[in-house]
Amino acid sequence: MTPPLVIAVDGPAAAGKGTLARRLAAHLGLPYLDTGLLYRATGRRVLDAGGDPADPAAAQQAARGLTPADFTRADLRDAAADAAASKVAAIPAVRAALLDFQRNFGAAHGAVLDGRDIGTVVFPEAPVKLFVTASPEERARRRHAELAARGASPGLDEVAAEMAARDARDAARDVAPLVPAGDAVQLDTTGLDADLAFAAALRIVESIQGK
């Protein structure tokens, strides 16, 4: 029996991986999981309790207490959630608590999952792995526009600095650092709109599947 198709889409923030992964999932008829929401929701639960997202005990407790309602909150995409997610994601106990959830989701019926360690840790055996990136300047511009559309008004320089700090934390953490899997195909979306990025990704997927 052919195992369910799992597509791993990794990359840094604002590279376009979420939009791309959702479109791939819809096109291929696969379930979609934004694994970043798991860490954002965990960080938010810690903040709600008045705790420090960098505190391992508080973060692990929050991760184990997640409910479906935590993933539908309206405040999972702001700057505070970004920073909290990056801090809890660096804690090994948190990543361990959320690992089974991700693996069970993908193993059941196949899936497209996007995150930072899908192809290296969660599904290292995934037959299709994409690492989506873009220039730091383009990523900062996209995130700035996203925040402005929600009514937030940080300066572009502030957004760029926060993203650079998060990139550094994600790349330097001891557990599941942000690095491309050895067999991942890298896709640079700088200068590509959503349609062009999707077309390029679909070509990669179909090439790997031999279509």
N, C-alpha and C. Protein backbone atom coordinates (compact mmCIF):
# COMPACT_ATOMS: atom_id res chain seq x y z
N MET A 1 0.84 -1.19 0.00
CA MET A 1 0.00 0.00 0.00
C MET A 1 0.88 1.25 0.00
N THR A 2 0.54 2.21 -0.86
CA THR A 2 1.28 3.46 -0.92
C THR A 2 0.97 4.31 0.31
N PRO A 3 2.00 4.76 1.03
CA PRO A 3 1.72 5.58 2.22
C PRO A 3 1.11 6.91 1.82
N PRO A 4 0.35 7.55 2.73
CA PRO A 4 -0.24 8.86 2.42
C PRO A 4 0.85 9.87 2.07
N LEU A 5 0.55 10.75 1.13
CA LEU A 5 1.50 11.76 0.70
C LEU A 5 1.64 12.85 1.76
N VAL A 6 2.87 13.07 2.19
CA VAL A 6 3.17 14.16 3.11
C VAL A 6 4.12 15.13 2.41
N ILE A 7 3.75 16.40 2.40
CA ILE A 7 4.59 17.44 1.82
C ILE A 7 5.03 18.37 2.94
N ALA A 8 6.34 18.48 3.12
CA ALA A 8 6.92 19.34 4.16
C ALA A 8 7.31 20.67 3.54
N VAL A 9 6.79 21.76 4.11
CA VAL A 9 7.11 23.10 3.62
C VAL A 9 7.72 23.88 4.78
N ASP A 10 9.00 24.12 4.71
CA ASP A 10 9.72 24.82 5.78
C ASP A 10 10.24 26.16 5.27
N GLY A 11 10.62 27.01 6.22
CA GLY A 11 11.22 28.29 5.86
C GLY A 11 11.00 29.32 6.95
N PRO A 12 11.66 30.46 6.82
CA PRO A 12 11.53 31.52 7.83
C PRO A 12 10.22 32.27 7.69
N ALA A 13 9.95 33.13 8.64
CA ALA A 13 8.72 33.93 8.64
C ALA A 13 8.64 34.83 7.42
N ALA A 14 7.41 34.98 6.90
CA ALA A 14 7.11 35.91 5.81
C ALA A 14 7.80 35.57 4.50
N ALA A 15 8.21 34.31 4.36
CA ALA A 15 8.77 33.87 3.08
C ALA A 15 7.68 33.47 2.10
N GLY A 16 6.46 33.31 2.61
CA GLY A 16 5.34 32.90 1.77
C GLY A 16 4.97 31.44 1.89
N LYS A 17 5.55 30.76 2.87
CA LYS A 17 5.32 29.31 2.95
C LYS A 17 3.89 28.96 3.34
N GLY A 18 3.25 29.78 4.18
CA GLY A 18 1.89 29.47 4.61
C GLY A 18 0.89 29.55 3.47
N THR A 19 0.94 30.65 2.73
CA THR A 19 0.06 30.80 1.57
C THR A 19 0.29 29.69 0.58
N LEU A 20 1.55 29.39 0.33
CA LEU A 20 1.92 28.34 -0.62
C LEU A 20 1.43 26.98 -0.16
N ALA A 21 1.64 26.65 1.10
CA ALA A 21 1.23 25.35 1.62
C ALA A 21 -0.28 25.18 1.57
N ARG A 22 -1.02 26.22 1.91
CA ARG A 22 -2.49 26.14 1.84
C ARG A 22 -2.97 25.88 0.42
N ARG A 23 -2.36 26.55 -0.56
CA ARG A 23 -2.77 26.36 -1.94
C ARG A 23 -2.41 24.98 -2.45
N LEU A 24 -1.25 24.49 -2.08
CA LEU A 24 -0.87 23.13 -2.47
C LEU A 24 -1.85 22.12 -1.90
N ALA A 25 -2.19 22.28 -0.62
CA ALA A 25 -3.11 21.34 0.02
C ALA A 25 -4.46 21.35 -0.68
N ALA A 26 -4.98 22.54 -0.99
CA ALA A 26 -6.28 22.64 -1.65
C ALA A 26 -6.23 22.02 -3.04
N HIS A 27 -5.16 22.27 -3.77
CA HIS A 27 -5.03 21.75 -5.13
C HIS A 27 -4.92 20.24 -5.15
N LEU A 28 -4.20 19.70 -4.17
CA LEU A 28 -3.95 18.25 -4.14
C LEU A 28 -4.97 17.49 -3.31
N GLY A 29 -5.91 18.20 -2.69
CA GLY A 29 -6.93 17.53 -1.88
C GLY A 29 -6.39 16.91 -0.61
N LEU A 30 -5.41 17.59 0.00
CA LEU A 30 -4.78 17.09 1.23
C LEU A 30 -5.13 17.99 2.41
N PRO A 31 -5.18 17.43 3.62
CA PRO A 31 -5.34 18.27 4.81
C PRO A 31 -4.14 19.21 4.95
N TYR A 32 -4.36 20.35 5.61
CA TYR A 32 -3.30 21.34 5.80
C TYR A 32 -3.14 21.66 7.27
N LEU A 33 -1.89 21.75 7.71
CA LEU A 33 -1.61 22.14 9.09
C LEU A 33 -0.53 23.20 9.12
N ASP A 34 -0.88 24.36 9.69
CA ASP A 34 0.09 25.41 9.97
C ASP A 34 0.67 25.11 11.35
N THR A 35 1.81 24.46 11.39
CA THR A 35 2.35 24.05 12.68
C THR A 35 2.80 25.24 13.52
N GLY A 36 3.04 26.37 12.88
CA GLY A 36 3.39 27.56 13.65
C GLY A 36 2.30 27.98 14.61
N LEU A 37 1.04 27.68 14.26
CA LEU A 37 -0.05 28.03 15.16
C LEU A 37 0.06 27.30 16.49
N LEU A 38 0.61 26.09 16.47
CA LEU A 38 0.77 25.34 17.72
C LEU A 38 1.67 26.11 18.68
N TYR A 39 2.76 26.65 18.14
CA TYR A 39 3.71 27.38 18.98
C TYR A 39 3.18 28.77 19.34
N ARG A 40 2.47 29.40 18.42
CA ARG A 40 1.87 30.69 18.73
C ARG A 40 0.83 30.55 19.84
N ALA A 41 0.00 29.50 19.72
CA ALA A 41 -1.02 29.29 20.74
C ALA A 41 -0.39 28.96 22.09
N THR A 42 0.68 28.19 22.08
CA THR A 42 1.39 27.87 23.32
C THR A 42 1.93 29.15 23.96
N GLY A 43 2.58 29.99 23.15
CA GLY A 43 3.12 31.24 23.67
C GLY A 43 2.04 32.14 24.23
N ARG A 44 0.90 32.20 23.55
CA ARG A 44 -0.21 33.02 24.01
C ARG A 44 -0.75 32.54 25.36
N ARG A 45 -0.85 31.22 25.51
CA ARG A 45 -1.34 30.69 26.79
C ARG A 45 -0.39 31.08 27.92
N VAL A 46 0.91 31.07 27.66
CA VAL A 46 1.88 31.48 28.69
C VAL A 46 1.68 32.96 29.02
N LEU A 47 1.55 33.78 27.99
CA LEU A 47 1.36 35.22 28.22
C LEU A 47 0.07 35.49 28.98
N ASP A 48 -1.00 34.76 28.64
CA ASP A 48 -2.28 34.94 29.33
C ASP A 48 -2.16 34.65 30.82
N ALA A 49 -1.30 33.70 31.15
CA ALA A 49 -1.12 33.32 32.55
C ALA A 49 -0.13 34.23 33.28
N GLY A 50 0.39 35.22 32.56
CA GLY A 50 1.34 36.12 33.18
C GLY A 50 2.74 35.57 33.28
N GLY A 51 3.02 34.51 32.51
CA GLY A 51 4.31 33.87 32.58
C GLY A 51 5.28 34.35 31.52
N ASP A 52 6.47 33.78 31.55
CA ASP A 52 7.53 34.11 30.60
C ASP A 52 7.61 32.98 29.57
N PRO A 53 7.42 33.26 28.28
CA PRO A 53 7.47 32.19 27.27
C PRO A 53 8.80 31.45 27.22
N ALA A 54 9.85 32.03 27.77
CA ALA A 54 11.15 31.36 27.81
C ALA A 54 11.30 30.42 28.99
N ASP A 55 10.30 30.39 29.89
CA ASP A 55 10.34 29.52 31.06
C ASP A 55 9.91 28.11 30.66
N PRO A 56 10.79 27.12 30.72
CA PRO A 56 10.45 25.78 30.24
C PRO A 56 9.24 25.16 30.91
N ALA A 57 9.11 25.32 32.23
CA ALA A 57 7.99 24.69 32.93
C ALA A 57 6.66 25.30 32.50
N ALA A 58 6.60 26.62 32.43
CA ALA A 58 5.37 27.29 32.03
C ALA A 58 5.00 26.96 30.59
N ALA A 59 6.01 26.92 29.72
CA ALA A 59 5.75 26.66 28.30
C ALA A 59 5.30 25.22 28.08
N GLN A 60 5.92 24.28 28.77
CA GLN A 60 5.51 22.88 28.62
C GLN A 60 4.07 22.68 29.12
N GLN A 61 3.74 23.29 30.23
CA GLN A 61 2.38 23.18 30.75
C GLN A 61 1.37 23.75 29.75
N ALA A 62 1.72 24.87 29.13
CA ALA A 62 0.82 25.49 28.15
C ALA A 62 0.66 24.60 26.93
N ALA A 63 1.76 23.99 26.47
CA ALA A 63 1.69 23.12 25.29
C ALA A 63 0.80 21.91 25.54
N ARG A 64 0.90 21.35 26.71
CA ARG A 64 0.11 20.15 27.02
C ARG A 64 -1.36 20.49 27.28
N GLY A 65 -1.65 21.77 27.51
CA GLY A 65 -3.02 22.16 27.80
C GLY A 65 -3.77 22.75 26.61
N LEU A 66 -3.18 22.70 25.41
CA LEU A 66 -3.81 23.29 24.24
C LEU A 66 -5.15 22.63 23.93
N THR A 67 -6.11 23.45 23.49
CA THR A 67 -7.41 22.96 23.06
C THR A 67 -7.68 23.51 21.67
N PRO A 68 -8.65 22.95 20.92
CA PRO A 68 -8.95 23.48 19.59
C PRO A 68 -9.27 24.97 19.59
N ALA A 69 -9.87 25.47 20.67
CA ALA A 69 -10.22 26.89 20.72
C ALA A 69 -8.98 27.78 20.70
N ASP A 70 -7.85 27.25 21.17
CA ASP A 70 -6.62 28.05 21.18
C ASP A 70 -6.16 28.40 19.77
N PHE A 71 -6.51 27.58 18.79
CA PHE A 71 -6.03 27.79 17.42
C PHE A 71 -6.90 28.77 16.64
N THR A 72 -8.01 29.20 17.21
CA THR A 72 -8.91 30.11 16.50
C THR A 72 -8.87 31.52 17.08
N ARG A 73 -7.96 31.77 17.99
CA ARG A 73 -7.84 33.10 18.57
C ARG A 73 -7.46 34.13 17.51
N ALA A 74 -7.90 35.35 17.72
CA ALA A 74 -7.62 36.42 16.76
C ALA A 74 -6.27 37.09 16.99
N ASP A 75 -5.58 36.73 18.08
CA ASP A 75 -4.33 37.42 18.42
C ASP A 75 -3.10 36.53 18.26
N LEU A 76 -3.15 35.60 17.31
CA LEU A 76 -2.02 34.68 17.12
C LEU A 76 -1.03 35.18 16.07
N ARG A 77 -1.31 36.30 15.44
CA ARG A 77 -0.45 36.76 14.34
C ARG A 77 0.20 38.11 14.62
N ASP A 78 0.08 38.61 15.86
CA ASP A 78 0.69 39.91 16.14
C ASP A 78 2.14 39.75 16.59
N ALA A 79 2.79 40.88 16.83
CA ALA A 79 4.21 40.86 17.16
C ALA A 79 4.49 40.12 18.46
N ALA A 80 3.60 40.28 19.45
CA ALA A 80 3.80 39.59 20.73
C ALA A 80 3.73 38.08 20.55
N ALA A 81 2.80 37.62 19.71
CA ALA A 81 2.69 36.18 19.45
C ALA A 81 3.90 35.67 18.70
N ASP A 82 4.42 36.48 17.76
CA ASP A 82 5.63 36.10 17.03
C ASP A 82 6.78 35.84 18.01
N ALA A 83 7.01 36.80 18.89
CA ALA A 83 8.13 36.69 19.82
C ALA A 83 7.93 35.54 20.79
N ALA A 84 6.72 35.37 21.30
CA ALA A 84 6.45 34.28 22.25
C ALA A 84 6.61 32.93 21.58
N ALA A 85 6.15 32.81 20.34
CA ALA A 85 6.27 31.54 19.62
C ALA A 85 7.72 31.14 19.44
N SER A 86 8.55 32.11 19.08
CA SER A 86 9.96 31.81 18.88
C SER A 86 10.63 31.34 20.17
N LYS A 87 10.22 31.92 21.29
CA LYS A 87 10.82 31.54 22.58
C LYS A 87 10.38 30.15 23.04
N VAL A 88 9.08 29.86 22.94
CA VAL A 88 8.63 28.52 23.38
C VAL A 88 9.14 27.44 22.44
N ALA A 89 9.32 27.79 21.15
CA ALA A 89 9.78 26.80 20.18
C ALA A 89 11.21 26.36 20.43
N ALA A 90 11.96 27.14 21.19
CA ALA A 90 13.34 26.79 21.50
C ALA A 90 13.45 25.83 22.68
N ILE A 91 12.31 25.50 23.29
CA ILE A 91 12.32 24.65 24.50
C ILE A 91 12.06 23.19 24.10
N PRO A 92 13.00 22.28 24.35
CA PRO A 92 12.85 20.90 23.91
C PRO A 92 11.57 20.23 24.39
N ALA A 93 11.16 20.49 25.62
CA ALA A 93 9.96 19.85 26.17
C ALA A 93 8.70 20.28 25.42
N VAL A 94 8.68 21.51 24.94
CA VAL A 94 7.54 21.99 24.16
C VAL A 94 7.50 21.30 22.80
N ARG A 95 8.64 21.23 22.15
CA ARG A 95 8.68 20.58 20.84
C ARG A 95 8.28 19.11 20.96
N ALA A 96 8.72 18.45 22.03
CA ALA A 96 8.36 17.05 22.24
C ALA A 96 6.86 16.90 22.47
N ALA A 97 6.27 17.83 23.21
CA ALA A 97 4.85 17.75 23.51
C ALA A 97 4.00 17.91 22.26
N LEU A 98 4.49 18.68 21.29
CA LEU A 98 3.72 18.95 20.08
C LEU A 98 4.07 18.03 18.91
N LEU A 99 5.12 17.24 19.06
CA LEU A 99 5.58 16.40 17.95
C LEU A 99 4.57 15.33 17.57
N ASP A 100 4.02 14.64 18.54
CA ASP A 100 3.06 13.58 18.23
C ASP A 100 1.83 14.12 17.53
N PHE A 101 1.36 15.30 17.96
CA PHE A 101 0.20 15.92 17.31
C PHE A 101 0.45 16.09 15.82
N GLN A 102 1.62 16.62 15.48
CA GLN A 102 1.95 16.88 14.08
C GLN A 102 2.08 15.59 13.29
N ARG A 103 2.76 14.61 13.87
CA ARG A 103 2.97 13.34 13.15
C ARG A 103 1.66 12.60 12.94
N ASN A 104 0.81 12.59 13.94
CA ASN A 104 -0.48 11.91 13.80
C ASN A 104 -1.34 12.59 12.74
N PHE A 105 -1.28 13.90 12.69
CA PHE A 105 -2.06 14.66 11.70
C PHE A 105 -1.66 14.25 10.29
N GLY A 106 -0.36 14.20 10.04
CA GLY A 106 0.10 13.89 8.69
C GLY A 106 -0.01 12.44 8.32
N ALA A 107 0.16 11.56 9.29
CA ALA A 107 0.17 10.12 9.00
C ALA A 107 -1.22 9.58 8.70
N ALA A 108 -2.25 10.23 9.19
CA ALA A 108 -3.61 9.70 9.05
C ALA A 108 -4.06 9.63 7.60
N HIS A 109 -3.98 10.75 6.90
CA HIS A 109 -4.49 10.80 5.53
C HIS A 109 -3.54 11.52 4.58
N GLY A 110 -2.29 11.73 5.00
CA GLY A 110 -1.41 12.59 4.23
C GLY A 110 -1.72 14.03 4.59
N ALA A 111 -0.82 14.93 4.23
CA ALA A 111 -1.04 16.34 4.57
C ALA A 111 0.05 17.19 3.96
N VAL A 112 -0.24 18.48 3.90
CA VAL A 112 0.78 19.50 3.66
C VAL A 112 0.96 20.22 4.98
N LEU A 113 2.17 20.21 5.51
CA LEU A 113 2.46 20.86 6.78
C LEU A 113 3.50 21.93 6.55
N ASP A 114 3.30 23.11 7.12
CA ASP A 114 4.33 24.13 7.01
C ASP A 114 4.83 24.49 8.40
N GLY A 115 6.12 24.79 8.46
CA GLY A 115 6.74 25.12 9.73
C GLY A 115 8.21 25.44 9.55
N ARG A 116 9.00 25.02 10.52
CA ARG A 116 10.43 25.27 10.46
C ARG A 116 11.26 24.00 10.57
N ASP A 117 10.64 22.89 11.01
CA ASP A 117 11.40 21.65 11.15
C ASP A 117 10.61 20.44 10.64
N ILE A 118 9.69 20.67 9.70
CA ILE A 118 8.87 19.57 9.21
C ILE A 118 9.72 18.55 8.48
N GLY A 119 10.56 19.03 7.57
CA GLY A 119 11.38 18.11 6.78
C GLY A 119 12.58 17.57 7.50
N THR A 120 13.00 18.20 8.60
CA THR A 120 14.19 17.74 9.31
C THR A 120 13.87 16.88 10.54
N VAL A 121 12.71 17.16 11.19
CA VAL A 121 12.40 16.47 12.45
C VAL A 121 11.05 15.77 12.42
N VAL A 122 10.01 16.49 12.02
CA VAL A 122 8.65 15.94 12.13
C VAL A 122 8.43 14.82 11.12
N PHE A 123 8.75 15.09 9.86
CA PHE A 123 8.61 14.09 8.79
C PHE A 123 9.89 14.05 7.95
N PRO A 124 10.98 13.55 8.53
CA PRO A 124 12.22 13.49 7.74
C PRO A 124 12.13 12.54 6.55
N GLU A 125 11.13 11.64 6.57
CA GLU A 125 10.97 10.70 5.47
C GLU A 125 9.97 11.20 4.42
N ALA A 126 9.46 12.42 4.57
CA ALA A 126 8.50 12.96 3.60
C ALA A 126 9.09 12.92 2.20
N PRO A 127 8.33 12.45 1.21
CA PRO A 127 8.88 12.36 -0.14
C PRO A 127 9.05 13.71 -0.82
N VAL A 128 8.31 14.71 -0.38
CA VAL A 128 8.41 16.05 -0.98
C VAL A 128 8.73 17.05 0.13
N LYS A 129 9.86 17.74 -0.03
CA LYS A 129 10.28 18.74 0.96
C LYS A 129 10.65 20.02 0.23
N LEU A 130 10.01 21.09 0.64
CA LEU A 130 10.32 22.41 0.10
C LEU A 130 10.88 23.29 1.21
N PHE A 131 11.88 24.08 0.88
CA PHE A 131 12.36 25.09 1.82
C PHE A 131 12.16 26.43 1.13
N VAL A 132 11.20 27.19 1.64
CA VAL A 132 10.77 28.44 1.01
C VAL A 132 11.44 29.62 1.69
N THR A 133 12.05 30.47 0.92
CA THR A 133 12.74 31.61 1.50
C THR A 133 12.54 32.84 0.62
N ALA A 134 13.04 33.96 1.09
CA ALA A 134 13.03 35.22 0.35
C ALA A 134 14.08 36.11 1.00
N SER A 135 14.43 37.19 0.34
CA SER A 135 15.44 38.07 0.91
C SER A 135 14.92 38.70 2.21
N PRO A 136 15.82 39.04 3.12
CA PRO A 136 15.38 39.68 4.37
C PRO A 136 14.57 40.94 4.13
N GLU A 137 14.96 41.71 3.12
CA GLU A 137 14.25 42.95 2.83
C GLU A 137 12.82 42.68 2.35
N GLU A 138 12.67 41.68 1.49
CA GLU A 138 11.35 41.35 0.99
C GLU A 138 10.47 40.77 2.09
N ARG A 139 11.04 39.94 2.94
CA ARG A 139 10.27 39.36 4.03
C ARG A 139 9.82 40.45 5.01
N ALA A 140 10.69 41.41 5.31
CA ALA A 140 10.31 42.51 6.20
C ALA A 140 9.20 43.35 5.57
N ARG A 141 9.29 43.60 4.28
CA ARG A 141 8.26 44.38 3.59
C ARG A 141 6.91 43.67 3.66
N ARG A 142 6.91 42.36 3.44
CA ARG A 142 5.66 41.59 3.49
C ARG A 142 5.06 41.60 4.89
N ARG A 143 5.89 41.36 5.90
CA ARG A 143 5.36 41.34 7.26
C ARG A 143 4.85 42.73 7.66
N HIS A 144 5.56 43.77 7.26
CA HIS A 144 5.12 45.13 7.57
C HIS A 144 3.75 45.40 6.94
N ALA A 145 3.57 44.99 5.71
CA ALA A 145 2.28 45.18 5.03
C ALA A 145 1.18 44.38 5.71
N GLU A 146 1.52 43.16 6.14
CA GLU A 146 0.54 42.31 6.83
C GLU A 146 0.09 42.95 8.14
N LEU A 147 1.03 43.47 8.91
CA LEU A 147 0.70 44.10 10.18
C LEU A 147 -0.10 45.39 9.95
N ALA A 148 0.26 46.15 8.94
CA ALA A 148 -0.45 47.40 8.65
C ALA A 148 -1.90 47.11 8.26
N ALA A 149 -2.11 46.00 7.53
CA ALA A 149 -3.46 45.64 7.11
C ALA A 149 -4.33 45.29 8.32
N ARG A 150 -3.70 44.88 9.42
CA ARG A 150 -4.45 44.56 10.64
C ARG A 150 -4.60 45.75 11.56
N GLY A 151 -4.08 46.89 11.13
CA GLY A 151 -4.21 48.08 11.95
C GLY A 151 -3.03 48.38 12.83
N ALA A 152 -2.01 47.52 12.80
CA ALA A 152 -0.79 47.78 13.58
C ALA A 152 0.08 48.77 12.81
N SER A 153 0.94 49.47 13.52
CA SER A 153 1.72 50.50 12.84
C SER A 153 3.19 50.53 13.24
N PRO A 154 3.85 49.39 13.34
CA PRO A 154 5.29 49.43 13.60
C PRO A 154 6.03 49.93 12.36
N GLY A 155 7.18 50.56 12.56
CA GLY A 155 7.97 51.01 11.43
C GLY A 155 8.62 49.84 10.71
N LEU A 156 8.97 50.03 9.46
CA LEU A 156 9.59 48.96 8.68
C LEU A 156 10.92 48.53 9.30
N ASP A 157 11.69 49.48 9.81
CA ASP A 157 12.97 49.14 10.44
C ASP A 157 12.75 48.28 11.69
N GLU A 158 11.71 48.60 12.45
CA GLU A 158 11.40 47.81 13.65
C GLU A 158 11.02 46.39 13.27
N VAL A 159 10.19 46.25 12.24
CA VAL A 159 9.79 44.92 11.78
C VAL A 159 11.00 44.13 11.31
N ALA A 160 11.89 44.78 10.55
CA ALA A 160 13.09 44.11 10.05
C ALA A 160 13.98 43.64 11.20
N ALA A 161 14.11 44.49 12.23
CA ALA A 161 14.95 44.13 13.37
C ALA A 161 14.36 42.94 14.14
N GLU A 162 13.03 42.95 14.34
CA GLU A 162 12.39 41.85 15.04
C GLU A 162 12.52 40.54 14.27
N MET A 163 12.39 40.61 12.95
CA MET A 163 12.52 39.40 12.14
C MET A 163 13.95 38.88 12.16
N ALA A 164 14.92 39.77 12.12
CA ALA A 164 16.32 39.35 12.19
C ALA A 164 16.61 38.66 13.52
N ALA A 165 16.04 39.20 14.60
CA ALA A 165 16.25 38.59 15.92
C ALA A 165 15.62 37.21 15.96
N ARG A 166 14.43 37.08 15.38
CA ARG A 166 13.78 35.76 15.38
C ARG A 166 14.56 34.78 14.51
N ASP A 167 15.04 35.21 13.36
CA ASP A 167 15.84 34.34 12.51
C ASP A 167 17.05 33.81 13.29
N ALA A 168 17.69 34.70 14.03
CA ALA A 168 18.87 34.31 14.79
C ALA A 168 18.52 33.28 15.86
N ARG A 169 17.39 33.49 16.57
CA ARG A 169 16.97 32.53 17.59
C ARG A 169 16.64 31.17 16.95
N ASP A 170 15.90 31.22 15.85
CA ASP A 170 15.48 29.98 15.21
C ASP A 170 16.66 29.18 14.68
N ALA A 171 17.66 29.87 14.16
CA ALA A 171 18.82 29.18 13.59
C ALA A 171 19.77 28.67 14.65
N ALA A 172 19.78 29.33 15.82
CA ALA A 172 20.77 29.00 16.85
C ALA A 172 20.28 28.02 17.90
N ARG A 173 18.97 27.74 17.94
CA ARG A 173 18.47 26.88 19.01
C ARG A 173 19.05 25.48 18.89
N ASP A 174 19.22 24.83 20.03
CA ASP A 174 19.85 23.51 20.06
C ASP A 174 18.94 22.43 19.47
N VAL A 175 17.64 22.57 19.66
CA VAL A 175 16.70 21.56 19.19
C VAL A 175 15.99 22.06 17.94
N ALA A 176 16.05 21.27 16.87
CA ALA A 176 15.35 21.57 15.62
C ALA A 176 15.61 22.99 15.12
N PRO A 177 16.87 23.35 14.88
CA PRO A 177 17.13 24.69 14.34
C PRO A 177 16.55 24.83 12.93
N LEU A 178 16.35 26.07 12.52
CA LEU A 178 15.81 26.34 11.19
C LEU A 178 16.92 26.15 10.15
N VAL A 179 16.95 25.00 9.52
CA VAL A 179 17.89 24.70 8.44
C VAL A 179 17.15 23.87 7.39
N PRO A 180 17.54 23.98 6.13
CA PRO A 180 16.90 23.15 5.12
C PRO A 180 17.28 21.68 5.31
N ALA A 181 16.33 20.78 5.07
CA ALA A 181 16.66 19.36 5.04
C ALA A 181 17.64 19.13 3.89
N GLY A 182 18.48 18.13 4.04
CA GLY A 182 19.49 17.87 3.01
C GLY A 182 18.90 17.59 1.64
N ASP A 183 17.70 17.02 1.61
CA ASP A 183 17.06 16.69 0.33
C ASP A 183 15.91 17.62 -0.01
N ALA A 184 15.83 18.77 0.66
CA ALA A 184 14.77 19.74 0.35
C ALA A 184 15.11 20.53 -0.91
N VAL A 185 14.09 20.87 -1.66
CA VAL A 185 14.25 21.76 -2.82
C VAL A 185 14.00 23.18 -2.35
N GLN A 186 14.95 24.06 -2.57
CA GLN A 186 14.80 25.43 -2.10
C GLN A 186 14.08 26.28 -3.14
N LEU A 187 13.15 27.08 -2.67
CA LEU A 187 12.36 27.96 -3.54
C LEU A 187 12.44 29.38 -3.00
N ASP A 188 13.08 30.27 -3.74
CA ASP A 188 13.21 31.67 -3.36
C ASP A 188 12.05 32.43 -3.98
N THR A 189 11.19 33.01 -3.12
CA THR A 189 10.00 33.70 -3.61
C THR A 189 10.20 35.21 -3.76
N THR A 190 11.42 35.68 -3.58
CA THR A 190 11.68 37.10 -3.79
C THR A 190 11.30 37.46 -5.23
N GLY A 191 10.45 38.45 -5.38
CA GLY A 191 10.05 38.86 -6.72
C GLY A 191 8.93 38.04 -7.32
N LEU A 192 8.44 37.03 -6.59
CA LEU A 192 7.34 36.22 -7.09
C LEU A 192 6.06 36.59 -6.35
N ASP A 193 4.96 36.73 -7.09
CA ASP A 193 3.68 36.89 -6.41
C ASP A 193 3.16 35.50 -6.03
N ALA A 194 2.00 35.45 -5.37
CA ALA A 194 1.49 34.17 -4.86
C ALA A 194 1.24 33.18 -5.98
N ASP A 195 0.75 33.64 -7.13
CA ASP A 195 0.46 32.72 -8.24
C ASP A 195 1.73 32.12 -8.82
N LEU A 196 2.75 32.95 -9.02
CA LEU A 196 4.01 32.45 -9.57
C LEU A 196 4.70 31.49 -8.59
N ALA A 197 4.65 31.81 -7.30
CA ALA A 197 5.26 30.93 -6.30
C ALA A 197 4.54 29.58 -6.28
N PHE A 198 3.21 29.61 -6.35
CA PHE A 198 2.44 28.37 -6.36
C PHE A 198 2.77 27.54 -7.60
N ALA A 199 2.84 28.18 -8.75
CA ALA A 199 3.15 27.45 -9.98
C ALA A 199 4.53 26.79 -9.89
N ALA A 200 5.49 27.51 -9.34
CA ALA A 200 6.84 26.96 -9.20
C ALA A 200 6.85 25.78 -8.24
N ALA A 201 6.13 25.91 -7.13
CA ALA A 201 6.08 24.82 -6.15
C ALA A 201 5.38 23.61 -6.72
N LEU A 202 4.30 23.82 -7.46
CA LEU A 202 3.57 22.69 -8.03
C LEU A 202 4.43 21.95 -9.04
N ARG A 203 5.21 22.68 -9.79
CA ARG A 203 6.13 22.02 -10.74
C ARG A 203 7.12 21.14 -9.98
N ILE A 204 7.62 21.62 -8.87
CA ILE A 204 8.55 20.83 -8.06
C ILE A 204 7.89 19.57 -7.56
N VAL A 205 6.69 19.71 -7.01
CA VAL A 205 5.96 18.54 -6.47
C VAL A 205 5.71 17.52 -7.56
N GLU A 206 5.25 17.97 -8.71
CA GLU A 206 4.93 17.05 -9.80
C GLU A 206 6.19 16.40 -10.35
N SER A 207 7.30 17.14 -10.36
CA SER A 207 8.56 16.55 -10.82
C SER A 207 9.03 15.45 -9.89
N ILE A 208 8.92 15.68 -8.58
CA ILE A 208 9.34 14.67 -7.62
C ILE A 208 8.45 13.43 -7.70
N GLN A 209 7.15 13.66 -7.96
CA GLN A 209 6.22 12.53 -8.05
C GLN A 209 6.27 11.85 -9.41
N GLY A 210 7.05 12.41 -10.33
CA GLY A 210 7.21 11.78 -11.64
C GLY A 210 6.07 12.03 -12.58
N LYS A 211 5.33 13.13 -12.38
CA LYS A 211 4.20 13.42 -13.27
C LYS A 211 4.65 14.31 -14.43
